[in-house]
Amino acid sequence: MLRISFFASFLLSFASIAAAQVSPGNPLSGLEKLKNYESRRESSCNPDWKNANSDNRPIPAGETLILADLEGPGAIAHIWFTISHRVKNYSRLLTLRIYWDGEEHPSVECPIGDFFGIGHGVDRMLNSLPIQVSSLGRGRNCYWPMPFRKSAKITITNESDIPCRAFFYYIDWQKHPSLPDDTAYFHAMYRQEFPCKMGQNYLLADIEGRGHYVGTVQSVVNISDGWYGEGDDFFFIDGETEPRLRGTGTEDYFCDGWGFWPQQGPFYGMPMADCRKAGDLTSVYRFHIPDPVTFKKSLRVEIEHKGSQTFPNGQRNGFIERDDLMSSVAYWYQTEPHKRWPALPPGPERLPIREKVLLVGYKAVPEAKHSDAPLNVQKLAGATDNKQLHFLPTEGKAWLEIPFRAERESIGNMTLRACHARDYGIYRVLLDGKPVGTLDFYSSKLDVLDKKLGWRELSPGEHVLRFECIGKNPDSAGYLLGIDALTLEIPVYARSSKVDLRTLQKK
């Protein structure tokens, strides 16, 4: 209870927004006191709220949606998002920006997933005090206090290449008569190094002004086998050339020990803690809520990217620079104006895994070869352009071949996106004549689902994906087949076949 009490006290006393004093014994103390503000909300509620239930906003590809444009003085108390977007790693491709008091450059600029504590564009649950993510990673909540004097503008930009179908949101805020002179502004900035720059520490924050640092989210993709977390953290305060705060290891800064162990708490946690093998994904957080780091003029926060490495000759070094893919979010409060950070990398460049579309089913119908059964293009909601390749055999010996071309040598996780329904069959799948899986496309309800075909190496040139019907599920009413797309998820660290395929296959 003491930790929760402290945070409740921090929320209320930090910005001096609430009139009540919070007693140290009960985090709910003060709720009975009358509040000197008006409760307000901006949301995606349908304007025709009495007759309609489509309470969301679409965001076309490449466009920006304004969630709120508020007039101060005020304070944002709660932000909630949930999103329907049929793009892998979508939370890295949607960018959140917040502007205070009409500023030109945002004080918050982050991919949505990273802002809510989880990197890599992955949906994962998180349970801390300032950030909570539920619904298997899809219900995102933020409770950082965000006061503003004149105005607040909140936007979302869709940096993917297809429309975001539905963006739901609440912005709960308070309209105040005034704010105290010592009220500071909330900031959150994302940055990345893909890979980390050898010979220099990773930069978490470079701040000018007066304020206090309140948190870090760090996300790492292991480029090679080994432990990445031997790097120390350093806080250079007010221009000092020697770090006033010096750490003892990455897991130590994030309040863990002897590596990362999956757990989540109010102030620190490891929601993604796979960090020993090539391709492992890690996301960890540390919120300086009981212990904000204060600065009067400036703050520079760095962390080393060092750990263990085993070399091809078998030799091992337990403390050496690693060139992993590292990204982060720094959270802090400061007086305005803030120092402008470097431009945010475009959405696709923030992805640790790039999805290459090898073929689109409905577009491949003219070139496809098949047994004596109808083949056509069928409308299907949720498929690419709402269309799919539709193969309609009536017996279990049918086959279908779809040619496609790879422009360059590549390696990655091959995925088949296909229709599943009550009258669909079981098919053996072959790539260039070699079996890659046997898939049952029966489902009690119509849906477009992904099926993994494993890590595959493609040479430049022509390839053939073949489907051989071998029967049907006992509950299925037929042998049909519907293909949406074939994709290859290519990790940034696996740009050629020089990567050890055996290591990747373990993933």
Protein backbone atom coordinates (compact mmCIF):
# COMPACT_ATOMS: atom_id res chain seq x y z
CA MET A 1 0.00 0.00 0.00
CA LEU A 2 2.88 2.39 0.64
CA ARG A 3 4.00 2.29 -3.00
CA ILE A 4 0.49 2.94 -4.30
CA SER A 5 0.03 5.67 -1.73
CA PHE A 6 3.20 7.39 -2.87
CA PHE A 7 2.09 7.33 -6.50
CA ALA A 8 -1.34 8.69 -5.66
CA SER A 9 0.35 11.46 -3.70
CA PHE A 10 2.74 12.09 -6.60
CA LEU A 11 -0.07 12.35 -9.13
CA LEU A 12 -1.95 14.88 -7.07
CA SER A 13 0.85 16.90 -5.55
CA PHE A 14 3.24 16.99 -8.51
CA ALA A 15 1.18 19.35 -10.62
CA SER A 16 -0.62 20.82 -7.58
CA ILE A 17 -3.85 20.26 -9.41
CA ALA A 18 -5.94 18.66 -6.69
CA ALA A 19 -7.05 20.68 -3.71
CA ALA A 20 -7.04 17.71 -1.33
CA GLN A 21 -4.03 16.56 0.64
CA VAL A 22 -3.40 12.84 0.29
CA SER A 23 -2.68 11.17 3.60
CA PRO A 24 0.24 8.73 3.60
CA GLY A 25 -1.90 5.91 4.93
CA ASN A 26 -4.62 5.61 2.28
CA PRO A 27 -4.30 6.28 -1.46
CA LEU A 28 -8.03 7.03 -1.60
CA SER A 29 -7.84 9.80 1.00
CA GLY A 30 -8.81 13.12 -0.52
CA LEU A 31 -11.42 11.74 -2.89
CA GLU A 32 -14.13 13.03 -0.56
CA LYS A 33 -12.86 16.61 -1.00
CA LEU A 34 -14.57 18.81 -3.57
CA LYS A 35 -12.53 19.44 -6.73
CA ASN A 36 -11.95 22.82 -8.29
CA TYR A 37 -12.08 21.77 -11.95
CA GLU A 38 -14.56 20.80 -14.67
CA SER A 39 -14.46 17.19 -15.95
CA ARG A 40 -14.10 17.01 -19.73
CA ARG A 41 -13.63 14.29 -22.35
CA GLU A 42 -12.68 13.98 -26.01
CA SER A 43 -13.54 10.58 -27.48
CA SER A 44 -14.27 8.70 -30.68
CA CYS A 45 -17.96 8.54 -29.78
CA ASN A 46 -20.18 8.74 -32.85
CA PRO A 47 -21.68 12.24 -33.22
CA ASP A 48 -25.03 10.51 -33.64
CA TRP A 49 -24.59 8.98 -30.19
CA LYS A 50 -28.30 8.30 -29.69
CA ASN A 51 -28.73 6.12 -32.77
CA ALA A 52 -25.31 4.78 -33.85
CA ASN A 53 -22.69 2.48 -32.34
CA SER A 54 -19.75 3.00 -34.72
CA ASP A 55 -17.72 4.78 -32.04
CA ASN A 56 -14.37 4.88 -33.80
CA ARG A 57 -12.41 6.77 -36.41
CA PRO A 58 -10.65 5.34 -39.49
CA ILE A 59 -7.22 6.73 -40.39
CA PRO A 60 -6.29 6.55 -44.10
CA ALA A 61 -2.76 5.46 -44.99
CA GLY A 62 -0.30 8.31 -44.52
CA GLU A 63 -2.82 10.65 -42.90
CA THR A 64 -3.15 12.21 -39.45
CA LEU A 65 -6.15 12.15 -37.13
CA ILE A 66 -6.57 14.93 -34.55
CA LEU A 67 -7.83 13.28 -31.35
CA ALA A 68 -8.11 16.42 -29.26
CA ASP A 69 -7.52 20.16 -29.53
CA LEU A 70 -8.03 21.45 -25.99
CA GLU A 71 -8.13 24.94 -24.53
CA GLY A 72 -6.38 25.42 -21.19
CA PRO A 73 -5.63 25.77 -18.43
CA GLY A 74 -6.14 22.05 -17.97
CA ALA A 75 -4.63 18.67 -17.29
CA ILE A 76 -5.02 15.36 -19.11
CA ALA A 77 -5.67 12.67 -16.50
CA HIS A 78 -6.23 9.53 -18.59
CA ILE A 79 -5.71 8.36 -22.18
CA TRP A 80 -7.22 5.11 -23.54
CA PHE A 81 -6.81 3.57 -26.99
CA THR A 82 -7.85 0.36 -28.69
CA ILE A 83 -7.20 -0.22 -32.37
CA SER A 84 -8.25 -2.43 -35.25
CA HIS A 85 -5.55 -2.30 -37.91
CA ARG A 86 -4.78 -5.24 -40.18
CA VAL A 87 -1.05 -4.64 -40.37
CA LYS A 88 1.62 -6.62 -38.57
CA ASN A 89 3.50 -4.56 -35.99
CA TYR A 90 0.89 -1.83 -36.39
CA SER A 91 1.72 -0.18 -33.05
CA ARG A 92 5.16 0.78 -34.42
CA LEU A 93 3.52 2.31 -37.50
CA LEU A 94 1.05 4.58 -35.66
CA THR A 95 2.72 7.70 -34.24
CA LEU A 96 1.42 9.61 -31.22
CA ARG A 97 2.25 13.32 -30.99
CA ILE A 98 1.24 15.82 -28.30
CA TYR A 99 1.80 19.59 -28.57
CA TRP A 100 1.54 21.93 -25.57
CA ASP A 101 0.58 25.60 -25.79
CA GLY A 102 0.79 25.84 -29.58
CA GLU A 103 4.40 24.68 -29.86
CA GLU A 104 5.74 23.86 -33.33
CA HIS A 105 7.60 20.71 -32.32
CA PRO A 106 5.81 18.08 -30.19
CA SER A 107 6.69 17.33 -26.59
CA VAL A 108 5.50 13.76 -27.06
CA GLU A 109 6.53 11.89 -30.22
CA CYS A 110 6.46 8.09 -30.06
CA PRO A 111 5.11 5.02 -31.79
CA ILE A 112 1.97 4.10 -29.89
CA GLY A 113 3.17 0.70 -28.70
CA ASP A 114 6.45 2.05 -27.33
CA PHE A 115 4.72 4.96 -25.58
CA PHE A 116 2.57 2.41 -23.76
CA GLY A 117 5.62 0.43 -22.67
CA ILE A 118 5.92 -2.36 -25.28
CA GLY A 119 8.34 -2.18 -28.21
CA HIS A 120 8.75 -3.96 -31.55
CA GLY A 121 5.14 -3.37 -32.63
CA VAL A 122 4.07 -6.33 -30.49
CA ASP A 123 0.80 -6.54 -28.54
CA ARG A 124 1.58 -7.58 -24.96
CA MET A 125 -0.08 -6.86 -21.61
CA LEU A 126 1.58 -4.59 -19.05
CA ASN A 127 0.61 -3.65 -15.50
CA SER A 128 2.39 -0.65 -13.96
CA LEU A 129 1.15 2.46 -12.19
CA PRO A 130 1.40 5.08 -14.96
CA ILE A 131 0.73 2.65 -17.85
CA GLN A 132 -1.59 -0.34 -18.03
CA VAL A 133 -2.20 -2.49 -21.11
CA SER A 134 -4.90 -5.17 -21.08
CA SER A 135 -6.92 -7.23 -23.59
CA LEU A 136 -3.85 -9.21 -24.72
CA GLY A 137 -2.06 -5.94 -25.47
CA ARG A 138 -4.92 -4.15 -27.21
CA GLY A 139 -6.39 -2.00 -24.42
CA ARG A 140 -3.85 0.77 -23.77
CA ASN A 141 -4.17 3.14 -20.78
CA CYS A 142 -1.95 6.02 -19.67
CA TYR A 143 -2.19 7.85 -16.33
CA TRP A 144 0.80 10.19 -16.55
CA PRO A 145 -0.42 13.65 -15.39
CA MET A 146 -0.22 16.07 -18.34
CA PRO A 147 -0.96 19.69 -17.40
CA PHE A 148 -1.05 22.54 -19.93
CA ARG A 149 -1.63 26.28 -19.62
CA LYS A 150 -2.91 27.40 -23.03
CA SER A 151 -3.67 24.40 -25.21
CA ALA A 152 -3.11 20.72 -25.88
CA LYS A 153 -3.22 19.07 -29.30
CA ILE A 154 -3.07 15.27 -29.67
CA THR A 155 -2.65 13.55 -33.05
CA ILE A 156 -2.18 10.06 -34.47
CA THR A 157 -0.45 9.50 -37.82
CA ASN A 158 -0.89 6.26 -39.74
CA GLU A 159 2.53 5.55 -41.26
CA SER A 160 1.52 2.17 -42.70
CA ASP A 161 0.55 1.63 -46.33
CA ILE A 162 -3.08 0.62 -45.68
CA PRO A 163 -5.93 2.37 -43.82
CA CYS A 164 -6.37 1.84 -40.10
CA ARG A 165 -9.90 0.48 -39.97
CA ALA A 166 -10.93 1.64 -36.48
CA PHE A 167 -9.24 3.81 -33.86
CA PHE A 168 -11.15 4.06 -30.55
CA TYR A 169 -10.05 6.61 -27.91
CA TYR A 170 -10.83 8.50 -24.72
CA ILE A 171 -8.97 11.63 -23.63
CA ASP A 172 -10.18 12.38 -20.07
CA TRP A 173 -9.08 15.82 -18.91
CA GLN A 174 -9.79 18.53 -16.38
CA LYS A 175 -10.48 22.20 -17.08
CA HIS A 176 -8.81 24.32 -14.36
CA PRO A 177 -9.10 27.99 -13.46
CA SER A 178 -5.31 28.24 -13.35
CA LEU A 179 -2.14 26.22 -12.77
CA PRO A 180 0.64 26.96 -10.26
CA ASP A 181 3.80 28.64 -11.54
CA ASP A 182 5.91 25.56 -10.78
CA THR A 183 3.86 23.25 -13.01
CA ALA A 184 6.06 21.41 -15.53
CA TYR A 185 5.13 19.81 -18.87
CA PHE A 186 5.15 16.09 -19.67
CA HIS A 187 7.52 14.84 -22.38
CA ALA A 188 8.10 11.45 -24.03
CA MET A 189 10.51 10.87 -26.89
CA TYR A 190 11.33 7.73 -28.88
CA ARG A 191 14.68 6.99 -30.46
CA GLN A 192 16.43 3.99 -31.96
CA GLU A 193 19.75 2.71 -33.23
CA PHE A 194 19.46 -0.16 -35.73
CA PRO A 195 22.12 -1.35 -34.91
CA CYS A 196 23.76 0.30 -31.88
CA LYS A 197 26.69 2.51 -32.83
CA MET A 198 29.98 0.91 -31.90
CA GLY A 199 32.37 3.03 -29.88
CA GLN A 200 29.73 5.13 -28.13
CA ASN A 201 27.00 4.60 -25.55
CA TYR A 202 23.34 4.44 -26.51
CA LEU A 203 21.67 7.81 -25.88
CA LEU A 204 18.42 7.60 -23.91
CA ALA A 205 17.83 11.34 -23.38
CA ASP A 206 19.46 14.69 -24.15
CA ILE A 207 17.47 17.41 -22.40
CA GLU A 208 17.93 21.16 -21.86
CA GLY A 209 15.94 23.08 -19.27
CA ARG A 210 14.78 22.47 -15.73
CA GLY A 211 12.81 19.41 -14.74
CA HIS A 212 12.97 15.80 -13.63
CA TYR A 213 13.36 12.48 -15.43
CA VAL A 214 10.63 9.92 -14.66
CA GLY A 215 11.07 6.83 -16.78
CA THR A 216 12.65 4.64 -19.45
CA VAL A 217 11.36 1.91 -21.76
CA GLN A 218 14.09 -0.09 -23.48
CA SER A 219 13.49 -2.57 -26.32
CA VAL A 220 16.20 -4.75 -27.84
CA VAL A 221 16.44 -7.25 -30.70
CA ASN A 222 19.41 -9.60 -30.27
CA ILE A 223 21.46 -9.67 -33.46
CA SER A 224 23.50 -12.62 -32.19
CA ASP A 225 23.43 -15.18 -29.41
CA GLY A 226 24.47 -13.93 -25.98
CA TRP A 227 23.38 -11.68 -23.12
CA TYR A 228 23.17 -7.99 -24.03
CA GLY A 229 22.62 -6.52 -20.58
CA GLU A 230 26.04 -5.86 -19.02
CA GLY A 231 25.92 -2.17 -19.97
CA ASP A 232 25.86 0.47 -17.20
CA ASP A 233 23.57 3.50 -17.11
CA PHE A 234 24.95 7.04 -16.72
CA PHE A 235 23.16 10.29 -15.81
CA PHE A 236 25.08 13.49 -16.63
CA ILE A 237 23.34 16.34 -14.77
CA ASP A 238 23.60 20.08 -15.51
CA GLY A 239 26.54 19.79 -17.90
CA GLU A 240 28.78 17.68 -15.69
CA THR A 241 31.46 15.77 -17.60
CA GLU A 242 31.40 12.89 -15.12
CA PRO A 243 28.09 11.07 -14.58
CA ARG A 244 26.64 11.92 -11.18
CA LEU A 245 24.57 8.71 -11.26
CA ARG A 246 26.48 5.61 -12.36
CA GLY A 247 25.01 2.13 -12.75
CA THR A 248 26.24 -1.43 -12.40
CA GLY A 249 24.45 -3.21 -15.26
CA THR A 250 21.42 -3.02 -17.50
CA GLU A 251 19.28 -5.44 -15.48
CA ASP A 252 20.32 -3.53 -12.35
CA TYR A 253 19.08 -0.20 -13.73
CA PHE A 254 15.77 -1.87 -14.52
CA CYS A 255 15.68 -3.13 -10.90
CA ASP A 256 16.12 -6.82 -11.73
CA GLY A 257 19.13 -9.05 -11.03
CA TRP A 258 21.17 -11.81 -12.66
CA GLY A 259 19.52 -11.23 -16.02
CA PHE A 260 15.90 -10.39 -16.78
CA TRP A 261 13.09 -12.42 -15.27
CA PRO A 262 9.53 -12.00 -16.55
CA GLN A 263 7.48 -9.95 -14.08
CA GLN A 264 5.64 -6.63 -13.86
CA GLY A 265 5.22 -4.17 -11.02
CA PRO A 266 4.28 -0.56 -10.26
CA PHE A 267 7.69 0.95 -11.02
CA TYR A 268 9.61 -1.63 -13.07
CA GLY A 269 8.95 -4.75 -15.10
CA MET A 270 10.01 -7.13 -17.86
CA PRO A 271 6.93 -7.87 -20.02
CA MET A 272 9.21 -9.30 -22.75
CA ALA A 273 12.37 -10.90 -21.41
CA ASP A 274 13.76 -13.20 -24.10
CA CYS A 275 17.31 -11.93 -24.43
CA ARG A 276 19.81 -14.75 -25.03
CA LYS A 277 19.42 -15.93 -28.65
CA ALA A 278 19.65 -14.24 -32.03
CA GLY A 279 16.24 -12.80 -32.84
CA ASP A 280 15.06 -12.60 -29.22
CA LEU A 281 12.88 -9.59 -28.37
CA THR A 282 13.11 -7.73 -25.07
CA SER A 283 11.04 -4.84 -23.67
CA VAL A 284 11.60 -3.60 -20.12
CA TYR A 285 10.55 -0.49 -18.18
CA ARG A 286 11.74 1.55 -15.21
CA PHE A 287 9.60 4.42 -13.88
CA HIS A 288 11.33 6.87 -11.53
CA ILE A 289 8.14 7.72 -9.64
CA PRO A 290 9.48 7.46 -6.08
CA ASP A 291 12.93 8.64 -7.28
CA PRO A 292 12.70 11.22 -10.12
CA VAL A 293 16.09 12.47 -11.31
CA THR A 294 16.15 16.26 -11.02
CA PHE A 295 18.10 18.69 -13.19
CA LYS A 296 18.27 22.50 -13.29
CA LYS A 297 19.95 23.12 -16.65
CA SER A 298 20.31 19.89 -18.57
CA LEU A 299 20.30 16.10 -18.43
CA ARG A 300 22.02 13.52 -20.60
CA VAL A 301 21.17 9.85 -20.02
CA GLU A 302 23.24 7.09 -21.61
CA ILE A 303 23.47 3.33 -21.34
CA GLU A 304 26.19 1.01 -22.59
CA HIS A 305 25.36 -1.76 -25.07
CA LYS A 306 27.68 -4.41 -23.74
CA GLY A 307 27.32 -8.07 -22.90
CA SER A 308 28.58 -11.53 -23.73
CA GLN A 309 29.54 -12.81 -27.16
CA THR A 310 30.70 -16.21 -28.44
CA PHE A 311 32.76 -16.05 -31.61
CA PRO A 312 32.86 -18.59 -34.48
CA ASN A 313 36.18 -20.00 -33.19
CA GLY A 314 34.48 -20.86 -29.89
CA GLN A 315 36.09 -18.09 -27.83
CA ARG A 316 33.78 -16.17 -25.49
CA ASN A 317 33.98 -12.62 -24.17
CA GLY A 318 31.67 -11.78 -21.27
CA PHE A 319 31.99 -7.98 -21.53
CA ILE A 320 32.14 -6.63 -25.06
CA GLU A 321 30.23 -4.11 -27.17
CA ARG A 322 27.25 -5.63 -28.99
CA ASP A 323 25.62 -4.29 -32.16
CA ASP A 324 22.04 -5.22 -31.26
CA LEU A 325 18.98 -3.27 -32.42
CA MET A 326 18.02 -0.96 -29.57
CA SER A 327 15.09 1.45 -29.20
CA SER A 328 13.75 3.39 -26.23
CA VAL A 329 11.33 5.92 -24.83
CA ALA A 330 12.42 8.55 -22.31
CA TYR A 331 9.77 10.19 -20.08
CA TRP A 332 10.32 13.44 -18.21
CA TYR A 333 8.79 16.70 -17.01
CA GLN A 334 10.38 20.08 -17.72
CA THR A 335 9.71 23.76 -18.20
CA GLU A 336 9.17 24.97 -21.74
CA PRO A 337 10.56 25.29 -24.32
CA HIS A 338 12.20 21.89 -24.80
CA LYS A 339 15.19 21.06 -26.95
CA ARG A 340 14.17 19.69 -30.33
CA TRP A 341 15.15 16.05 -30.87
CA PRO A 342 16.27 14.54 -34.21
CA ALA A 343 13.49 13.66 -36.62
CA LEU A 344 11.59 10.48 -35.84
CA PRO A 345 12.47 7.65 -38.28
CA PRO A 346 9.62 6.89 -40.71
CA GLY A 347 7.29 4.10 -39.62
CA PRO A 348 8.69 1.27 -41.79
CA GLU A 349 12.23 2.07 -40.63
CA ARG A 350 11.14 1.52 -37.02
CA LEU A 351 10.26 -2.14 -37.65
CA PRO A 352 12.74 -4.77 -36.49
CA ILE A 353 10.99 -7.14 -38.89
CA ARG A 354 10.00 -6.07 -42.41
CA GLU A 355 7.14 -7.90 -44.10
CA LYS A 356 7.67 -8.66 -47.79
CA VAL A 357 4.54 -9.64 -49.75
CA LEU A 358 5.56 -12.44 -52.12
CA LEU A 359 2.18 -12.94 -53.74
CA VAL A 360 -1.40 -11.71 -53.47
CA GLY A 361 -3.90 -14.50 -54.04
CA TYR A 362 -6.52 -12.82 -56.19
CA LYS A 363 -3.88 -11.18 -58.40
CA ALA A 364 -2.30 -14.58 -59.08
CA VAL A 365 -5.44 -16.22 -60.50
CA PRO A 366 -4.53 -15.66 -64.21
CA GLU A 367 -1.09 -17.31 -63.83
CA ALA A 368 -2.15 -20.15 -61.50
CA LYS A 369 -2.26 -23.77 -62.69
CA HIS A 370 -4.72 -26.24 -61.20
CA SER A 371 -6.58 -29.51 -61.50
CA ASP A 372 -10.02 -29.74 -63.07
CA ALA A 373 -11.92 -27.54 -60.61
CA PRO A 374 -13.15 -23.93 -60.81
CA LEU A 375 -10.73 -21.12 -59.83
CA ASN A 376 -11.90 -17.52 -59.49
CA VAL A 377 -11.68 -14.28 -57.53
CA GLN A 378 -14.09 -14.01 -54.60
CA LYS A 379 -15.00 -11.03 -52.49
CA LEU A 380 -13.92 -11.55 -48.87
CA ALA A 381 -13.92 -8.95 -46.10
CA GLY A 382 -10.58 -8.81 -44.30
CA ALA A 383 -8.51 -10.07 -47.24
CA THR A 384 -6.23 -7.87 -49.35
CA ASP A 385 -8.46 -5.40 -51.22
CA ASN A 386 -11.34 -7.52 -49.84
CA LYS A 387 -10.65 -10.24 -52.46
CA GLN A 388 -9.19 -13.72 -52.40
CA LEU A 389 -8.16 -16.53 -54.76
CA HIS A 390 -11.00 -19.07 -54.50
CA PHE A 391 -10.43 -22.72 -55.51
CA LEU A 392 -13.55 -24.94 -55.56
CA PRO A 393 -12.75 -28.66 -55.90
CA THR A 394 -15.46 -31.22 -55.09
CA GLU A 395 -13.13 -34.12 -54.27
CA GLY A 396 -9.95 -34.73 -52.29
CA LYS A 397 -7.38 -35.12 -55.07
CA ALA A 398 -7.26 -31.55 -56.31
CA TRP A 399 -4.09 -29.46 -56.70
CA LEU A 400 -3.18 -25.83 -57.28
CA GLU A 401 0.14 -24.18 -58.22
CA ILE A 402 0.81 -20.45 -57.80
CA PRO A 403 4.02 -18.97 -59.27
CA PHE A 404 5.76 -15.97 -57.73
CA ARG A 405 9.07 -14.19 -58.09
CA ALA A 406 11.66 -13.14 -55.49
CA GLU A 407 13.59 -10.08 -56.59
CA ARG A 408 16.56 -10.69 -54.27
CA GLU A 409 18.02 -13.28 -51.95
CA SER A 410 16.22 -13.18 -48.63
CA ILE A 411 15.54 -15.20 -45.52
CA GLY A 412 12.69 -14.97 -43.05
CA ASN A 413 9.56 -16.42 -41.53
CA MET A 414 7.15 -17.41 -44.30
CA THR A 415 3.45 -16.91 -43.56
CA LEU A 416 0.40 -17.95 -45.55
CA ARG A 417 -2.67 -15.79 -45.01
CA ALA A 418 -5.69 -17.87 -46.00
CA CYS A 419 -9.42 -18.24 -45.54
CA HIS A 420 -10.81 -20.71 -42.99
CA ALA A 421 -14.46 -21.78 -43.21
CA ARG A 422 -16.94 -24.63 -42.72
CA ASP A 423 -16.42 -26.16 -46.18
CA TYR A 424 -12.63 -25.88 -46.58
CA GLY A 425 -10.20 -28.80 -46.91
CA ILE A 426 -6.84 -30.06 -45.69
CA TYR A 427 -3.87 -29.36 -47.98
CA ARG A 428 -0.23 -30.35 -48.16
CA VAL A 429 1.84 -27.25 -49.01
CA LEU A 430 5.05 -27.44 -51.04
CA LEU A 431 7.55 -24.72 -51.90
CA ASP A 432 9.54 -25.46 -55.06
CA GLY A 433 8.64 -29.13 -54.69
CA LYS A 434 9.65 -29.44 -51.02
CA PRO A 435 6.97 -29.94 -48.31
CA VAL A 436 6.66 -27.01 -45.91
CA GLY A 437 3.51 -27.98 -44.01
CA THR A 438 0.11 -29.63 -43.91
CA LEU A 439 -2.71 -27.20 -43.15
CA ASP A 440 -6.34 -27.71 -42.14
CA PHE A 441 -8.42 -24.76 -43.38
CA TYR A 442 -11.64 -25.81 -41.64
CA SER A 443 -13.19 -23.41 -39.13
CA SER A 444 -16.65 -23.19 -37.64
CA LYS A 445 -16.70 -19.50 -38.55
CA LEU A 446 -15.44 -17.60 -41.59
CA ASP A 447 -12.10 -15.90 -40.93
CA VAL A 448 -8.80 -14.93 -42.57
CA LEU A 449 -5.95 -16.37 -40.51
CA ASP A 450 -2.17 -16.63 -40.68
CA LYS A 451 -0.41 -19.99 -40.94
CA LYS A 452 3.34 -20.17 -40.35
CA LEU A 453 5.42 -22.10 -42.90
CA GLY A 454 8.69 -21.71 -41.01
CA TRP A 455 11.97 -19.94 -41.71
CA ARG A 456 12.69 -20.11 -45.43
CA GLU A 457 15.55 -19.05 -47.66
CA LEU A 458 14.62 -17.70 -51.09
CA SER A 459 17.02 -17.26 -53.98
CA PRO A 460 16.35 -14.59 -56.61
CA GLY A 461 14.08 -15.73 -59.40
CA GLU A 462 10.97 -17.82 -59.97
CA HIS A 463 9.32 -19.98 -57.30
CA VAL A 464 6.18 -22.12 -57.08
CA LEU A 465 3.80 -22.58 -54.15
CA ARG A 466 1.81 -25.82 -54.58
CA PHE A 467 -1.27 -27.02 -52.69
CA GLU A 468 -2.30 -30.70 -52.76
CA CYS A 469 -5.64 -31.61 -51.23
CA ILE A 470 -5.34 -34.69 -48.99
CA GLY A 471 -8.85 -34.69 -47.54
CA LYS A 472 -10.96 -32.70 -45.15
CA ASN A 473 -11.71 -32.27 -41.49
CA PRO A 474 -14.54 -34.60 -40.32
CA ASP A 475 -16.60 -31.50 -39.50
CA SER A 476 -15.95 -29.84 -42.86
CA ALA A 477 -18.56 -29.82 -45.62
CA GLY A 478 -16.07 -29.57 -48.50
CA TYR A 479 -12.57 -29.26 -49.96
CA LEU A 480 -12.41 -25.56 -50.83
CA LEU A 481 -9.31 -23.40 -50.61
CA GLY A 482 -9.02 -19.61 -50.32
CA ILE A 483 -5.66 -17.79 -50.50
CA ASP A 484 -5.16 -14.17 -49.50
CA ALA A 485 -1.37 -13.68 -49.52
CA LEU A 486 2.06 -15.21 -49.00
CA THR A 487 4.51 -13.08 -47.02
CA LEU A 488 8.04 -13.27 -45.69
CA GLU A 489 8.86 -11.60 -42.38
CA ILE A 490 12.47 -10.52 -42.80
CA PRO A 491 14.32 -9.48 -39.62
CA VAL A 492 16.59 -6.47 -40.02
CA TYR A 493 19.44 -8.64 -38.74
CA ALA A 494 18.81 -11.30 -41.43
CA ARG A 495 19.29 -9.49 -44.70
CA SER A 496 20.99 -12.37 -46.49
CA SER A 497 21.49 -16.11 -46.33
CA LYS A 498 24.78 -15.53 -44.50
CA VAL A 499 22.75 -15.63 -41.29
CA ASP A 500 22.80 -19.09 -39.70
CA LEU A 501 19.43 -20.56 -40.74
CA ARG A 502 19.64 -23.18 -38.01
CA THR A 503 19.71 -20.45 -35.36
CA LEU A 504 16.69 -18.70 -36.86
CA GLN A 505 14.71 -21.93 -37.20
CA LYS A 506 14.75 -22.22 -33.40
CA LYS A 507 12.56 -19.13 -33.31
